[in-house]
Amino acid sequence: MIQKYRYLCALAKEKHFGRAAESCNVSQPTLSNGLRQLEEHLNVKLIDRKQKFIGLSPDGYTVLEYAKRILAEHENLKASLKAENEKLSGRLRLGVIPTALTYASHFIKKLNKKYPELRFTIESMSAPDLTRSLLDFELDLGISYVDTARSNALQTINLYQEEYHCLVHRDDISPGVSQISWADAAKYPLGLLTPNMQNRKLADAAFIEAGINIRPMIESNSLSNLVHNVKNGLGASIIPSQFFDINDHATDIVSLKLIDPVVSHGVGLLALDGEPSTHLSQAVVKLARQGLFNDQD
């Protein structure tokens, strides 16, 4: 029965029988037959179908919510049974906002050193998508902005404060300058993240506070792309200081602390608060509360 619930969750996510079957590593007839058996077992119609998938029925959506919880509890049970002498193993599914990907490497290094049998799946996603995936039991944990985790079902543990720097090409700034106002940064042709991304919204708010309405020359959903644009002389960019290692670009780029206003936002570990949180997520949250990830050596 567990597998049939997995089929239903896959179909709800993929919205296509073929893709759902592929994600479950079964044939399409196997998936379709499994879903019909689930309908017969529950004596309800789960799926609106003609020649192709139309959507879930109202009962289907009700069963889907239970199915997600059943699968999460099943994975939690397996992980708990494997737990021996406080040694963690298995695969930890971690969602990370793009600006925290560099920090995520430090986070994983700490866990790997303590529990070398752990395996990791890292997904870069926006803050809203990350929160949604946690609530849908598609992730064990997330690293995101703590002030966007507006759900009573989630708990947050602060990890660090995200601060902001302006990146400019060395040829475009006077020697010895170490900081710059948001208003002066706006005088450069700017490359910024796309408007749908939370970090861009934070930058826009800072520019507005400085009395500036900006029109970026370049918009990208990749921080790495923005850094390379600056390296190639394409204006300036606003980057979280934790993302950028100046030592990797010392001959080309200068990182200037942004002031007037000085802006920082908390980034933390997000997890489900209460059941059915996974055995792995519970253990990592406990380590975070004990301060394992506080220093970044």
Protein backbone atom coordinates (compact mmCIF):
# COMPACT_ATOMS: atom_id res chain seq x y z
CA MET A 1 0.00 0.00 0.00
CA ILE A 2 2.92 2.36 0.71
CA GLN A 3 3.97 2.15 -2.93
CA LYS A 4 0.47 3.03 -4.11
CA TYR A 5 0.49 6.16 -1.95
CA ARG A 6 3.85 6.99 -3.49
CA TYR A 7 2.27 6.67 -6.96
CA LEU A 8 -0.47 9.13 -5.98
CA CYS A 9 2.05 11.69 -4.67
CA ALA A 10 4.14 11.35 -7.83
CA LEU A 11 1.11 11.85 -10.07
CA ALA A 12 0.01 14.93 -8.11
CA LYS A 13 3.49 16.40 -8.50
CA GLU A 14 4.16 15.50 -12.14
CA LYS A 15 0.54 15.88 -13.41
CA HIS A 16 1.32 13.27 -16.08
CA PHE A 17 1.07 9.47 -15.86
CA GLY A 18 4.23 8.83 -17.86
CA ARG A 19 6.42 11.24 -15.91
CA ALA A 20 4.98 9.99 -12.61
CA ALA A 21 5.77 6.41 -13.55
CA GLU A 22 9.30 7.38 -14.56
CA SER A 23 9.88 9.18 -11.25
CA CYS A 24 8.79 6.00 -9.41
CA ASN A 25 10.95 3.76 -11.65
CA VAL A 26 7.96 1.70 -12.81
CA SER A 27 6.07 1.29 -16.07
CA GLN A 28 3.03 3.45 -16.77
CA PRO A 29 0.65 0.43 -16.66
CA THR A 30 2.07 -0.57 -13.27
CA LEU A 31 1.44 2.92 -11.90
CA SER A 32 -2.07 3.12 -13.38
CA ASN A 33 -3.02 -0.31 -12.05
CA GLY A 34 -1.66 0.58 -8.62
CA LEU A 35 -3.77 3.73 -8.50
CA ARG A 36 -6.90 1.83 -9.53
CA GLN A 37 -6.22 -0.70 -6.76
CA LEU A 38 -5.90 2.17 -4.30
CA GLU A 39 -9.25 3.57 -5.47
CA GLU A 40 -10.84 0.14 -5.02
CA HIS A 41 -9.29 -0.27 -1.58
CA LEU A 42 -10.57 3.13 -0.39
CA ASN A 43 -13.81 2.88 -2.40
CA VAL A 44 -13.44 6.42 -3.78
CA LYS A 45 -12.55 8.02 -7.09
CA LEU A 46 -9.13 9.64 -6.75
CA ILE A 47 -8.38 10.80 -10.29
CA ASP A 48 -10.29 12.63 -13.01
CA ARG A 49 -9.16 10.99 -16.21
CA LYS A 50 -10.16 10.68 -19.82
CA GLN A 51 -7.41 9.95 -22.32
CA LYS A 52 -4.95 11.75 -20.05
CA PHE A 53 -4.60 13.03 -16.51
CA ILE A 54 -7.07 15.84 -15.79
CA GLY A 55 -6.55 16.28 -12.07
CA LEU A 56 -7.34 14.79 -8.70
CA SER A 57 -10.89 14.52 -7.47
CA PRO A 58 -11.87 16.25 -4.19
CA ASP A 59 -11.45 12.88 -2.44
CA GLY A 60 -8.13 12.52 -4.24
CA TYR A 61 -6.81 15.72 -2.67
CA THR A 62 -7.95 14.52 0.75
CA VAL A 63 -6.16 11.19 0.31
CA LEU A 64 -3.10 13.00 -1.06
CA GLU A 65 -2.61 14.93 2.21
CA TYR A 66 -2.82 11.69 4.19
CA ALA A 67 -0.51 9.96 1.70
CA LYS A 68 2.20 12.59 2.21
CA ARG A 69 2.04 12.09 5.96
CA ILE A 70 2.02 8.31 5.67
CA LEU A 71 5.11 8.34 3.45
CA ALA A 72 6.90 10.78 5.77
CA GLU A 73 6.11 8.58 8.77
CA HIS A 74 7.25 5.50 6.85
CA GLU A 75 10.61 7.08 6.06
CA ASN A 76 10.88 8.23 9.66
CA LEU A 77 10.25 4.67 10.88
CA LYS A 78 12.92 3.22 8.59
CA ALA A 79 15.47 5.83 9.69
CA SER A 80 14.65 5.26 13.35
CA LEU A 81 15.09 1.50 13.00
CA LYS A 82 18.48 2.07 11.38
CA ALA A 83 19.61 4.41 14.15
CA GLU A 84 22.22 2.63 16.26
CA ASN A 85 24.50 4.13 18.87
CA GLU A 86 23.42 7.62 17.76
CA LYS A 87 25.03 7.08 14.35
CA LEU A 88 23.03 8.82 11.63
CA SER A 89 22.78 7.32 8.17
CA GLY A 90 20.53 7.66 5.17
CA ARG A 91 19.90 10.58 2.81
CA LEU A 92 19.14 14.09 4.05
CA ARG A 93 17.06 16.20 1.65
CA LEU A 94 18.08 19.82 2.09
CA GLY A 95 16.53 22.82 0.34
CA VAL A 96 18.70 25.95 0.18
CA ILE A 97 18.02 29.49 -1.01
CA PRO A 98 20.59 30.45 -3.70
CA THR A 99 22.37 33.02 -1.52
CA ALA A 100 23.05 30.35 1.14
CA LEU A 101 24.59 27.72 -1.14
CA THR A 102 28.13 28.62 -0.06
CA TYR A 103 27.12 28.32 3.60
CA ALA A 104 25.44 24.97 2.81
CA SER A 105 28.86 23.52 1.96
CA HIS A 106 30.05 24.45 5.47
CA PHE A 107 26.85 22.99 6.93
CA ILE A 108 27.33 19.67 5.11
CA LYS A 109 31.03 19.53 5.98
CA LYS A 110 30.15 19.73 9.68
CA LEU A 111 27.56 16.95 9.38
CA ASN A 112 29.80 14.77 7.22
CA LYS A 113 32.63 15.02 9.74
CA LYS A 114 30.34 13.92 12.57
CA TYR A 115 28.31 11.36 10.61
CA PRO A 116 30.29 10.13 7.56
CA GLU A 117 27.56 7.64 6.58
CA LEU A 118 25.08 10.43 5.83
CA ARG A 119 24.29 11.20 2.19
CA PHE A 120 22.86 14.50 0.94
CA THR A 121 20.54 15.83 -1.75
CA ILE A 122 20.80 19.61 -2.12
CA GLU A 123 18.15 21.59 -4.00
CA SER A 124 18.53 25.29 -4.73
CA MET A 125 15.12 26.99 -4.62
CA SER A 126 13.35 30.20 -3.78
CA ALA A 127 12.26 30.86 -0.20
CA PRO A 128 8.51 30.34 -0.93
CA ASP A 129 9.17 27.10 -2.84
CA LEU A 130 11.40 25.87 -0.03
CA THR A 131 8.72 26.49 2.60
CA ARG A 132 6.11 24.79 0.43
CA SER A 133 8.35 21.74 -0.11
CA LEU A 134 8.94 21.38 3.62
CA LEU A 135 5.21 21.49 4.33
CA ASP A 136 4.61 18.91 1.57
CA PHE A 137 7.24 16.58 3.15
CA GLU A 138 9.43 16.77 0.03
CA LEU A 139 12.38 18.05 2.08
CA ASP A 140 13.77 17.15 5.49
CA LEU A 141 15.26 20.58 6.21
CA GLY A 142 15.74 23.99 4.63
CA ILE A 143 18.19 26.87 4.89
CA SER A 144 16.30 30.09 4.24
CA TYR A 145 15.40 33.54 5.52
CA VAL A 146 13.88 33.15 8.98
CA ASP A 147 11.51 36.10 8.53
CA THR A 148 9.84 34.46 5.50
CA ALA A 149 9.05 31.20 7.31
CA ARG A 150 5.54 32.34 8.21
CA SER A 151 3.99 29.04 9.22
CA ASN A 152 3.05 27.69 12.61
CA ALA A 153 4.04 24.27 11.29
CA LEU A 154 7.72 25.28 10.98
CA GLN A 155 10.45 25.89 13.52
CA THR A 156 13.54 28.02 12.81
CA ILE A 157 17.05 28.03 14.26
CA ASN A 158 19.20 31.06 13.45
CA LEU A 159 22.45 30.24 11.66
CA TYR A 160 23.92 33.60 10.56
CA GLN A 161 23.14 37.16 9.50
CA GLU A 162 23.25 37.82 5.77
CA GLU A 163 25.03 41.11 4.97
CA TYR A 164 25.40 42.84 1.62
CA HIS A 165 28.34 44.03 -0.44
CA CYS A 166 28.63 45.80 -3.76
CA LEU A 167 30.96 44.09 -6.21
CA VAL A 168 32.78 46.34 -8.68
CA HIS A 169 35.63 45.75 -11.08
CA ARG A 170 38.97 46.92 -9.71
CA ASP A 171 39.34 49.32 -12.64
CA ASP A 172 36.07 51.09 -11.67
CA ILE A 173 36.91 52.09 -8.09
CA SER A 174 39.61 54.16 -6.40
CA PRO A 175 42.27 52.21 -4.47
CA GLY A 176 41.66 51.87 -0.73
CA VAL A 177 37.87 52.28 -0.84
CA SER A 178 36.22 49.68 1.41
CA GLN A 179 32.55 50.72 1.58
CA ILE A 180 29.90 52.38 -0.52
CA SER A 181 26.39 53.76 0.00
CA TRP A 182 23.40 52.19 -1.73
CA ALA A 183 22.85 55.50 -3.52
CA ASP A 184 26.40 55.52 -4.92
CA ALA A 185 26.14 51.83 -5.86
CA ALA A 186 23.08 52.72 -7.95
CA LYS A 187 25.25 54.97 -10.13
CA TYR A 188 26.87 51.89 -11.68
CA PRO A 189 25.19 49.76 -14.36
CA LEU A 190 23.76 47.11 -12.05
CA GLY A 191 23.38 43.37 -12.38
CA LEU A 192 20.85 42.01 -9.88
CA LEU A 193 18.91 38.85 -9.22
CA THR A 194 15.52 38.50 -10.89
CA PRO A 195 12.56 40.24 -9.16
CA ASN A 196 10.93 36.98 -8.01
CA MET A 197 13.88 36.12 -5.76
CA GLN A 198 13.78 37.09 -2.09
CA ASN A 199 17.30 38.53 -2.07
CA ARG A 200 16.34 40.90 -4.91
CA LYS A 201 13.31 42.04 -2.93
CA LEU A 202 15.57 42.79 0.03
CA ALA A 203 17.94 44.77 -2.21
CA ASP A 204 15.05 46.71 -3.75
CA ALA A 205 13.82 47.62 -0.26
CA ALA A 206 17.29 48.91 0.68
CA PHE A 207 17.50 51.06 -2.46
CA ILE A 208 14.04 52.47 -1.75
CA GLU A 209 15.10 53.26 1.83
CA ALA A 210 18.04 55.15 0.32
CA GLY A 211 15.62 57.09 -1.90
CA ILE A 212 16.63 55.34 -5.12
CA ASN A 213 14.49 53.67 -7.79
CA ILE A 214 16.71 51.31 -9.76
CA ARG A 215 16.62 49.96 -13.30
CA PRO A 216 19.15 47.10 -13.50
CA MET A 217 21.10 46.61 -16.71
CA ILE A 218 21.17 42.84 -16.14
CA GLU A 219 18.84 40.54 -14.23
CA SER A 220 19.80 36.91 -13.60
CA ASN A 221 18.66 34.06 -11.37
CA SER A 222 22.30 33.03 -10.85
CA LEU A 223 24.62 34.73 -8.34
CA SER A 224 27.61 33.12 -10.02
CA ASN A 225 26.60 34.70 -13.30
CA LEU A 226 26.37 38.13 -11.64
CA VAL A 227 29.86 37.72 -10.17
CA HIS A 228 31.33 36.76 -13.54
CA ASN A 229 29.59 39.72 -15.20
CA VAL A 230 31.41 42.07 -12.81
CA LYS A 231 34.66 40.21 -13.44
CA ASN A 232 34.17 40.88 -17.16
CA GLY A 233 33.60 44.60 -16.63
CA LEU A 234 29.80 44.61 -16.87
CA GLY A 235 29.02 47.12 -14.13
CA ALA A 236 28.46 46.24 -10.47
CA SER A 237 26.32 43.83 -8.48
CA ILE A 238 24.81 43.42 -5.02
CA ILE A 239 25.88 40.14 -3.43
CA PRO A 240 25.53 38.68 0.09
CA SER A 241 29.00 38.83 1.60
CA GLN A 242 28.74 35.20 2.74
CA PHE A 243 28.38 34.06 -0.87
CA PHE A 244 31.43 35.80 -2.26
CA ASP A 245 35.04 34.77 -1.55
CA ILE A 246 37.19 37.77 -2.45
CA ASN A 247 40.31 35.59 -2.47
CA ASP A 248 39.01 33.79 -5.56
CA HIS A 249 38.75 37.05 -7.52
CA ALA A 250 41.33 39.30 -5.84
CA THR A 251 42.92 40.46 -9.09
CA ASP A 252 39.64 41.49 -10.73
CA ILE A 253 36.94 42.42 -8.23
CA VAL A 254 36.61 44.63 -5.17
CA SER A 255 33.97 43.88 -2.55
CA LEU A 256 32.62 47.02 -0.85
CA LYS A 257 30.46 46.93 2.27
CA LEU A 258 27.12 48.61 1.63
CA ILE A 259 26.11 51.40 4.05
CA ASP A 260 23.41 54.07 4.35
CA PRO A 261 21.57 51.89 5.22
CA VAL A 262 23.47 48.94 6.70
CA VAL A 263 21.22 45.95 6.02
CA SER A 264 21.26 42.41 7.37
CA HIS A 265 18.75 39.57 7.46
CA GLY A 266 18.70 36.36 9.46
CA VAL A 267 19.23 33.04 7.69
CA GLY A 268 18.37 29.91 9.56
CA LEU A 269 17.56 26.22 9.55
CA LEU A 270 13.90 25.44 8.85
CA ALA A 271 12.20 22.21 9.89
CA LEU A 272 8.73 20.89 10.54
CA ASP A 273 7.63 21.61 14.09
CA GLY A 274 6.18 18.39 15.47
CA GLU A 275 5.13 15.22 13.72
CA PRO A 276 5.75 13.82 11.20
CA SER A 277 9.26 15.29 11.08
CA THR A 278 11.87 12.76 10.05
CA HIS A 279 14.37 11.10 12.34
CA LEU A 280 17.19 12.79 10.41
CA SER A 281 15.68 16.25 10.63
CA GLN A 282 15.08 15.89 14.37
CA ALA A 283 18.71 14.90 14.92
CA VAL A 284 20.12 17.76 12.83
CA VAL A 285 17.84 20.33 14.50
CA LYS A 286 19.15 19.14 17.86
CA LEU A 287 22.74 19.61 16.64
CA ALA A 288 21.90 23.10 15.35
CA ARG A 289 20.42 24.10 18.71
CA GLN A 290 23.63 22.83 20.35
CA GLY A 291 25.64 25.22 18.13
CA LEU A 292 27.37 22.73 15.79
CA PHE A 293 27.05 25.07 12.78
CA ASN A 294 27.83 28.38 14.46
CA ASP A 295 31.50 28.67 13.51
CA GLN A 296 32.54 28.44 9.87
CA ASP A 297 36.05 26.95 10.05
